[in-house]
Amino acid sequence: MGIKVKLVKSHSGASERQVATIVGLGLKKFGSEKLLKDTPAIRGMINKVRHLVHHEIVKDEPKVRARQKPRAVRVRDAARAAAAKSQAK
């Protein structure tokens, strides 16, 4: 199960800690929605900014994205692989 969180009020005028909590939830702009895993930590974050967000429990699970290496590292690794391949010939 997951929790769908929607930012329903603007975070202008909110304290820095509340803004950091909103960013931690992955919400960027007014009206943005995010599907999050239902954990005690997420519920606590939602509770801290409950006057700014609306949440509902849904059956869907959030999609887990595979982590990517930074672009510079991927380019470097590709260049090293190409150099090793050309030296092997």
Protein backbone atom coordinates (compact mmCIF):
# COMPACT_ATOMS: atom_id res chain seq x y z
CA MET A 1 0.00 0.00 0.00
CA GLY A 2 1.08 3.54 -0.60
CA ILE A 3 0.14 7.07 0.33
CA LYS A 4 -0.76 9.67 -2.28
CA VAL A 5 0.28 13.13 -1.06
CA LYS A 6 -0.82 16.39 -2.71
CA LEU A 7 0.36 19.89 -1.87
CA VAL A 8 -2.89 21.85 -1.46
CA LYS A 9 -1.56 25.09 0.04
CA SER A 10 1.44 27.18 -0.87
CA HIS A 11 4.49 26.82 1.31
CA SER A 12 5.32 30.52 1.13
CA GLY A 13 5.35 31.85 4.66
CA ALA A 14 6.05 28.43 6.12
CA SER A 15 9.09 27.85 8.30
CA GLU A 16 12.32 26.53 6.80
CA ARG A 17 11.76 23.17 8.51
CA GLN A 18 8.31 22.83 6.95
CA VAL A 19 9.65 23.73 3.51
CA ALA A 20 12.44 21.15 3.97
CA THR A 21 9.82 18.55 4.91
CA ILE A 22 7.78 19.35 1.80
CA VAL A 23 10.91 19.01 -0.36
CA GLY A 24 11.71 15.75 1.45
CA LEU A 25 8.30 14.42 0.49
CA GLY A 26 9.16 15.18 -3.14
CA LEU A 27 6.58 17.96 -3.59
CA LYS A 28 7.75 20.92 -5.62
CA LYS A 29 4.87 23.17 -6.63
CA PHE A 30 1.35 23.89 -5.50
CA GLY A 31 -0.85 21.02 -6.71
CA SER A 32 1.97 18.52 -7.19
CA GLU A 33 1.25 14.91 -6.23
CA LYS A 34 3.53 12.09 -5.21
CA LEU A 35 2.91 8.41 -4.49
CA LEU A 36 5.04 7.35 -1.53
CA LYS A 37 5.65 4.18 0.44
CA ASP A 38 3.55 3.91 3.60
CA THR A 39 6.16 4.05 6.37
CA PRO A 40 6.16 5.61 9.84
CA ALA A 41 8.76 8.17 8.69
CA ILE A 42 6.59 9.33 5.78
CA ARG A 43 3.52 9.50 8.03
CA GLY A 44 5.47 11.65 10.50
CA MET A 45 6.55 14.01 7.72
CA ILE A 46 2.96 14.30 6.53
CA ASN A 47 1.83 14.98 10.11
CA LYS A 48 4.32 17.87 10.41
CA VAL A 49 2.86 19.64 7.36
CA ARG A 50 -0.71 18.36 7.55
CA HIS A 51 -2.08 21.88 7.17
CA LEU A 52 -0.35 22.19 3.77
CA VAL A 53 -0.95 18.75 2.25
CA HIS A 54 -3.78 16.33 1.62
CA HIS A 55 -3.12 12.59 1.75
CA GLU A 56 -4.99 9.39 1.05
CA ILE A 57 -4.08 5.73 1.32
CA VAL A 58 -4.17 3.87 -2.00
CA LYS A 59 -3.64 0.24 -2.97
CA ASP A 60 -0.95 1.05 -5.53
CA GLU A 61 2.71 0.68 -4.65
CA PRO A 62 5.15 3.40 -5.70
CA LYS A 63 7.44 2.42 -8.56
CA VAL A 64 11.03 1.87 -7.51
CA ARG A 65 13.41 3.43 -10.00
CA ALA A 66 16.78 1.85 -10.58
CA ARG A 67 19.57 4.18 -9.57
CA GLN A 68 21.75 5.55 -12.34
CA LYS A 69 25.33 6.59 -12.12
CA PRO A 70 25.96 10.29 -12.75
CA ARG A 71 26.38 11.17 -16.43
CA ALA A 72 30.06 12.08 -16.02
CA VAL A 73 30.80 8.66 -14.52
CA ARG A 74 28.89 6.84 -17.30
CA VAL A 75 30.82 8.76 -19.98
CA ARG A 76 34.13 8.07 -18.22
CA ASP A 77 33.37 4.34 -17.94
CA ALA A 78 32.37 4.16 -21.62
CA ALA A 79 35.61 5.89 -22.64
CA ARG A 80 37.67 3.49 -20.51
CA ALA A 81 35.86 0.49 -22.00
CA ALA A 82 36.48 1.79 -25.54
CA ALA A 83 40.18 2.37 -24.75
CA ALA A 84 40.56 -1.11 -23.29
CA LYS A 85 38.83 -2.63 -26.30
CA SER A 86 41.11 -0.79 -28.75
CA GLN A 87 44.27 -1.83 -26.80
CA ALA A 88 43.18 -5.47 -26.77
CA LYS A 89 43.27 -5.62 -30.58
